[in-house]
Protein backbone atom coordinates (compact mmCIF):
# COMPACT_ATOMS: atom_id res chain seq x y z
CA UNK A 1 -92.29 15.72 51.41
CA UNK A 2 -89.51 15.81 50.44
CA UNK A 3 -87.19 16.16 53.77
CA UNK A 4 -83.10 15.75 52.59
CA UNK A 5 -81.45 17.18 48.72
CA UNK A 6 -78.24 15.72 48.19
CA UNK A 7 -76.34 17.78 45.45
CA UNK A 8 -73.76 16.97 43.66
CA UNK A 9 -71.01 19.82 42.95
CA UNK A 10 -69.55 20.19 39.44
CA UNK A 11 -71.84 19.73 36.28
CA UNK A 12 -74.58 19.47 38.67
CA UNK A 13 -74.68 22.53 41.96
CA UNK A 14 -71.55 24.57 40.14
CA UNK A 15 -72.30 26.11 36.37
CA UNK A 16 -69.20 25.82 33.68
CA UNK A 17 -68.00 28.75 35.29
CA UNK A 18 -67.54 27.26 38.76
CA UNK A 19 -70.13 29.43 40.54
CA UNK A 20 -73.80 28.98 42.29
CA UNK A 21 -75.95 31.12 39.92
CA UNK A 22 -78.26 33.64 41.99
CA UNK A 23 -81.18 32.14 41.62
CA UNK A 24 -79.93 28.30 42.42
CA UNK A 25 -78.58 30.24 45.95
CA UNK A 26 -82.27 31.29 46.68
CA UNK A 27 -83.72 28.01 46.23
CA UNK A 28 -81.73 26.64 48.54
CA UNK A 29 -81.71 28.96 51.05
CA UNK A 30 -85.35 28.90 50.54
CA UNK A 31 -85.56 24.47 51.00
CA UNK A 32 -83.58 25.13 54.06
CA UNK A 33 -85.81 27.17 55.37
CA UNK A 34 -88.89 25.20 54.79
CA UNK A 35 -87.12 22.63 57.00
CA UNK A 36 -85.07 20.84 54.64
CA UNK A 37 -81.94 19.53 55.16
CA UNK A 38 -79.46 19.95 51.58
CA UNK A 39 -76.32 18.65 51.44
CA UNK A 40 -73.27 18.89 49.27
CA UNK A 41 -71.89 15.54 47.68
CA UNK A 42 -68.72 15.81 46.34
CA UNK A 43 -65.66 14.05 44.87
CA UNK A 44 -64.19 16.65 45.79
CA UNK A 45 -62.21 17.36 49.37
CA UNK A 46 -63.58 19.26 52.60
CA UNK A 47 -61.73 22.16 51.51
CA UNK A 48 -62.43 22.35 47.65
CA UNK A 49 -66.24 22.39 48.99
CA UNK A 50 -65.40 25.03 51.92
CA UNK A 51 -65.44 28.33 49.60
CA UNK A 52 -69.25 27.01 48.71
CA UNK A 53 -70.43 25.98 52.21
CA UNK A 54 -69.25 28.88 53.15
CA UNK A 55 -71.39 30.81 50.12
CA UNK A 56 -74.35 28.96 50.90
CA UNK A 57 -74.33 29.48 54.59
CA UNK A 58 -74.21 25.77 55.62
CA UNK A 59 -71.55 26.06 57.79
CA UNK A 60 -73.85 24.93 60.98
CA UNK A 61 -73.12 22.02 63.68
CA UNK A 62 -76.59 20.78 61.84
CA UNK A 63 -75.22 20.83 58.68
CA UNK A 64 -73.87 18.04 56.40
CA UNK A 65 -71.09 17.02 53.74
CA UNK A 66 -70.23 13.89 51.84
CA UNK A 67 -66.51 14.39 50.39
CA UNK A 68 -64.19 11.96 48.35
CA UNK A 69 -67.09 10.69 47.13
CA UNK A 70 -69.09 10.18 50.33
CA UNK A 71 -65.93 7.89 51.84
CA UNK A 72 -66.14 10.36 54.43
CA UNK A 73 -69.52 11.72 56.23
CA UNK A 74 -68.74 14.45 57.87
CA UNK A 75 -70.76 17.48 59.93
CA UNK A 76 -68.68 21.07 58.77
CA UNK A 77 -68.60 23.08 61.95
CA UNK A 78 -66.55 20.84 63.59
CA UNK A 79 -65.44 18.38 60.98
CA UNK A 80 -66.55 15.40 63.31
CA UNK A 81 -66.91 12.20 61.17
CA UNK A 82 -69.60 10.42 61.41
CA UNK A 83 -69.24 7.93 58.75
CA UNK A 84 -65.36 7.02 57.03
CA UNK A 85 -64.84 3.64 54.02
CA UNK A 86 -61.61 4.22 53.18
CA UNK A 87 -58.50 2.58 51.92
CA UNK A 88 -54.77 1.65 52.73
CA UNK A 89 -51.55 2.50 51.81
CA UNK A 90 -51.22 -1.57 50.48
CA UNK A 91 -54.64 -0.78 47.94
CA UNK A 92 -52.49 2.33 46.82
CA UNK A 93 -49.32 0.64 46.16
CA UNK A 94 -51.37 -2.17 44.20
CA UNK A 95 -53.17 0.09 42.49
CA UNK A 96 -49.95 2.16 41.13
CA UNK A 97 -49.01 -0.91 39.58
CA UNK A 98 -51.83 -1.27 37.57
CA UNK A 99 -51.39 2.49 36.61
CA UNK A 100 -47.92 1.82 35.02
CA UNK A 101 -49.47 -1.32 33.29
CA UNK A 102 -51.77 1.07 31.67
CA UNK A 103 -50.00 4.11 31.05
CA UNK A 104 -51.70 6.51 33.35
CA UNK A 105 -50.70 8.69 36.15
CA UNK A 106 -52.24 7.69 40.12
CA UNK A 107 -52.67 10.06 43.17
CA UNK A 108 -53.87 9.34 45.84
CA UNK A 109 -55.90 10.98 49.16
CA UNK A 110 -53.66 10.25 52.45
CA UNK A 111 -55.06 11.07 56.11
CA UNK A 112 -51.44 11.81 56.58
CA UNK A 113 -49.80 13.54 53.77
CA UNK A 114 -52.87 14.61 51.39
CA UNK A 115 -52.99 14.69 47.80
CA UNK A 116 -49.89 12.58 46.70
CA UNK A 117 -48.72 11.86 43.49
CA UNK A 118 -45.08 9.17 42.47
CA UNK A 119 -44.62 11.93 39.41
CA UNK A 120 -45.61 15.29 39.40
CA UNK A 121 -48.59 15.87 35.86
CA UNK A 122 -50.70 18.41 34.88
CA UNK A 123 -53.89 16.69 35.78
CA UNK A 124 -52.95 15.79 39.70
CA UNK A 125 -51.95 19.89 39.36
CA UNK A 126 -55.51 20.50 38.06
CA UNK A 127 -56.98 18.42 41.01
CA UNK A 128 -55.12 20.43 43.37
CA UNK A 129 -55.95 24.19 41.75
CA UNK A 130 -59.90 22.94 41.76
CA UNK A 131 -59.67 22.50 45.45
CA UNK A 132 -57.04 25.31 46.50
CA UNK A 133 -55.03 22.27 48.18
CA UNK A 134 -50.96 21.52 47.53
CA UNK A 135 -50.02 18.39 46.14
CA UNK A 136 -46.76 16.65 47.02
CA UNK A 137 -44.59 13.72 45.17
CA UNK A 138 -44.27 10.73 47.05
CA UNK A 139 -43.21 7.07 46.09
CA UNK A 140 -46.00 4.95 46.90
CA UNK A 141 -43.57 2.29 47.83
CA UNK A 142 -42.50 3.97 50.82
CA UNK A 143 -46.25 3.89 52.24
CA UNK A 144 -46.70 1.81 55.14
CA UNK A 145 -49.70 -1.76 54.81
CA UNK A 146 -51.90 -0.20 56.86
CA UNK A 147 -51.82 4.10 56.13
CA UNK A 148 -54.91 5.63 55.79
CA UNK A 149 -55.82 6.49 52.37
CA UNK A 150 -59.00 7.90 51.94
CA UNK A 151 -59.16 7.35 47.75
CA UNK A 152 -56.85 6.50 44.91
CA UNK A 153 -57.40 8.20 40.88
CA UNK A 154 -56.05 7.32 38.01
CA UNK A 155 -55.82 10.50 36.02
CA UNK A 156 -54.92 10.99 31.90
CA UNK A 157 -56.29 12.39 29.17
CA UNK A 158 -59.37 11.85 28.05
CA UNK A 159 -58.55 9.17 25.63
CA UNK A 160 -55.39 7.69 27.41
CA UNK A 161 -58.03 7.10 30.18
CA UNK A 162 -60.38 5.96 27.83
CA UNK A 163 -58.10 3.24 26.67
CA UNK A 164 -57.49 2.26 30.08
CA UNK A 165 -60.99 2.14 31.61
CA UNK A 166 -61.11 -0.77 28.68
CA UNK A 167 -58.43 -2.50 30.19
CA UNK A 168 -59.51 -2.80 33.95
CA UNK A 169 -59.22 -6.17 35.14
CA UNK A 170 -62.63 -7.63 36.08
CA UNK A 171 -61.89 -8.01 39.31
CA UNK A 172 -61.14 -4.46 40.06
CA UNK A 173 -65.01 -3.80 40.39
CA UNK A 174 -65.58 -6.68 42.92
CA UNK A 175 -62.98 -5.42 45.06
CA UNK A 176 -63.23 -1.88 44.74
CA UNK A 177 -66.24 1.31 44.27
CA UNK A 178 -64.92 1.81 40.62
CA UNK A 179 -67.02 5.38 39.41
CA UNK A 180 -65.43 7.95 36.43
CA UNK A 181 -66.33 11.33 37.47
CA UNK A 182 -64.85 13.12 34.93
CA UNK A 183 -63.15 12.62 31.28
CA UNK A 184 -59.58 12.62 32.77
CA UNK A 185 -60.77 11.78 36.22
CA UNK A 186 -61.40 7.54 37.39
CA UNK A 187 -61.82 7.23 41.27
CA UNK A 188 -60.87 4.07 43.03
CA UNK A 189 -62.53 3.54 46.51
CA UNK A 190 -63.52 1.71 49.42
CA UNK A 191 -65.84 -1.31 48.18
CA UNK A 192 -68.92 0.27 50.59
CA UNK A 193 -67.67 3.41 49.40
CA UNK A 194 -70.38 5.46 47.39
CA UNK A 195 -72.55 8.18 47.08
CA UNK A 196 -75.36 6.18 47.41
CA UNK A 197 -74.47 4.40 50.89
CA UNK A 198 -73.32 8.12 51.99
CA UNK A 199 -76.67 9.26 51.67
CA UNK A 200 -78.41 6.34 52.87
CA UNK A 201 -76.48 6.87 56.35
CA UNK A 202 -76.90 10.21 56.65
CA UNK A 203 -80.77 10.03 55.71
CA UNK A 204 -81.18 7.11 58.64
CA UNK A 205 -79.15 9.62 60.99
CA UNK A 206 -81.74 12.17 60.05
CA UNK A 207 -84.11 9.95 61.01
CA UNK A 208 -85.25 10.07 56.73
CA UNK A 209 -86.69 7.61 54.58
CA UNK A 210 -85.39 6.85 51.59
CA UNK A 211 -88.57 8.17 49.95
CA UNK A 212 -88.03 11.48 51.59
CA UNK A 213 -84.63 11.80 49.29
CA UNK A 214 -83.65 13.76 46.54
CA UNK A 215 -80.59 12.87 44.50
CA UNK A 216 -79.29 15.09 41.76
CA UNK A 217 -76.19 14.27 39.66
CA UNK A 218 -74.61 14.45 36.21
CA UNK A 219 -71.92 11.86 35.80
CA UNK A 220 -71.25 7.87 36.72
CA UNK A 221 -70.11 9.25 40.57
CA UNK A 222 -73.46 9.97 40.97
CA UNK A 223 -75.18 6.42 39.84
CA UNK A 224 -75.61 4.70 43.72
CA UNK A 225 -77.00 8.19 44.88
CA UNK A 226 -79.51 8.48 42.14
CA UNK A 227 -80.76 5.52 42.39
CA UNK A 228 -81.13 5.06 46.07
CA UNK A 229 -82.71 8.12 46.18
CA UNK A 230 -86.89 8.64 46.10
CA UNK A 231 -86.66 10.60 43.70
CA UNK A 232 -83.18 10.52 41.56
CA UNK A 233 -83.05 13.62 39.00
CA UNK A 234 -80.10 13.85 36.36
CA UNK A 235 -79.16 17.22 35.17
CA UNK A 236 -80.18 18.15 31.58
CA UNK A 237 -76.46 18.19 30.70
CA UNK A 238 -75.47 14.72 32.76
CA UNK A 239 -74.08 11.08 30.66
CA UNK A 240 -76.84 9.24 28.67
CA UNK A 241 -76.76 6.30 31.34
CA UNK A 242 -77.49 8.80 34.15
CA UNK A 243 -80.49 10.43 32.55
CA UNK A 244 -81.99 6.84 31.94
CA UNK A 245 -81.53 5.72 35.82
CA UNK A 246 -83.11 9.03 36.88
CA UNK A 247 -86.54 9.66 37.78
CA UNK A 248 -86.47 13.66 36.27
CA UNK A 249 -84.22 15.11 34.51
CA UNK A 250 -84.06 18.70 34.33
CA UNK A 251 -82.31 21.71 32.97
CA UNK A 252 -78.36 21.90 32.17
CA UNK A 253 -76.16 23.37 35.46
CA UNK A 254 -75.54 26.56 32.97
CA UNK A 255 -79.24 27.05 32.79
CA UNK A 256 -80.24 26.97 36.83
CA UNK A 257 -81.08 23.23 36.91
CA UNK A 258 -81.11 22.23 40.54
CA UNK A 259 -83.09 25.39 41.06
CA UNK A 260 -85.66 24.49 38.47
CA UNK A 261 -86.13 21.31 40.72
CA UNK A 262 -86.30 22.90 43.95
CA UNK A 263 -88.96 24.82 42.99
CA UNK A 264 -90.93 21.70 41.00
CA UNK A 265 -90.42 19.80 43.52
CA UNK A 266 -90.65 21.44 47.10
CA UNK A 267 -91.41 25.25 46.76
CA UNK A 268 -94.19 24.89 44.82
CA UNK A 269 -94.72 21.33 45.75
């Protein structure tokens, strides 16, 4: 029996209108009524997940959330951090120099300053808008080397970002976790921070074996948790590499794919 379900949000839980369908909401509640832990695992900050957690009623001290691609694993009610794998101001400064070389914008999430960018740009503003937070212009050169940075993102229009990714130095992948979460977002995090290690830590915390875990996602930042899960499920709209990695492919996020999978593997099992 599956005891833990970890759901990516954008492109998975949420449809193209950034909404949770009534069918999906109902099946999640039915799974929870059976004692199954359901958690959201997103690249978003907690602020960008709160309205959906409220909508799902997942707001108690027994509810958990994986934010910033599991750089933080928290209890929802108290916001107590039970796992933290983050970066430093020195990392952000070095990555800002790389962004300049590659011709992309850059922004970062600071524990002290929130969403910061050296140069105001429409993609950082989009990040702020979808998470219902504010951003500020801040010169990364003014960061202290030991400032706490949760994650850094190289952001640019799709073609520009694709060209930049092709030019990334090989050692970047050995220094950090590097995942593309959308055509315009490249996320760079602590080497030990990804949704897979986050879900694994939470499963251990809840005394749940990997074989009892379902993870669902659609994009590159879901790779690690789909690989970890006893049952890794790719959405019908997922990228080809995520589909190839998954144990099962459900319908798309606009066809209630999450609901269909929960019905098949939990409610009707």
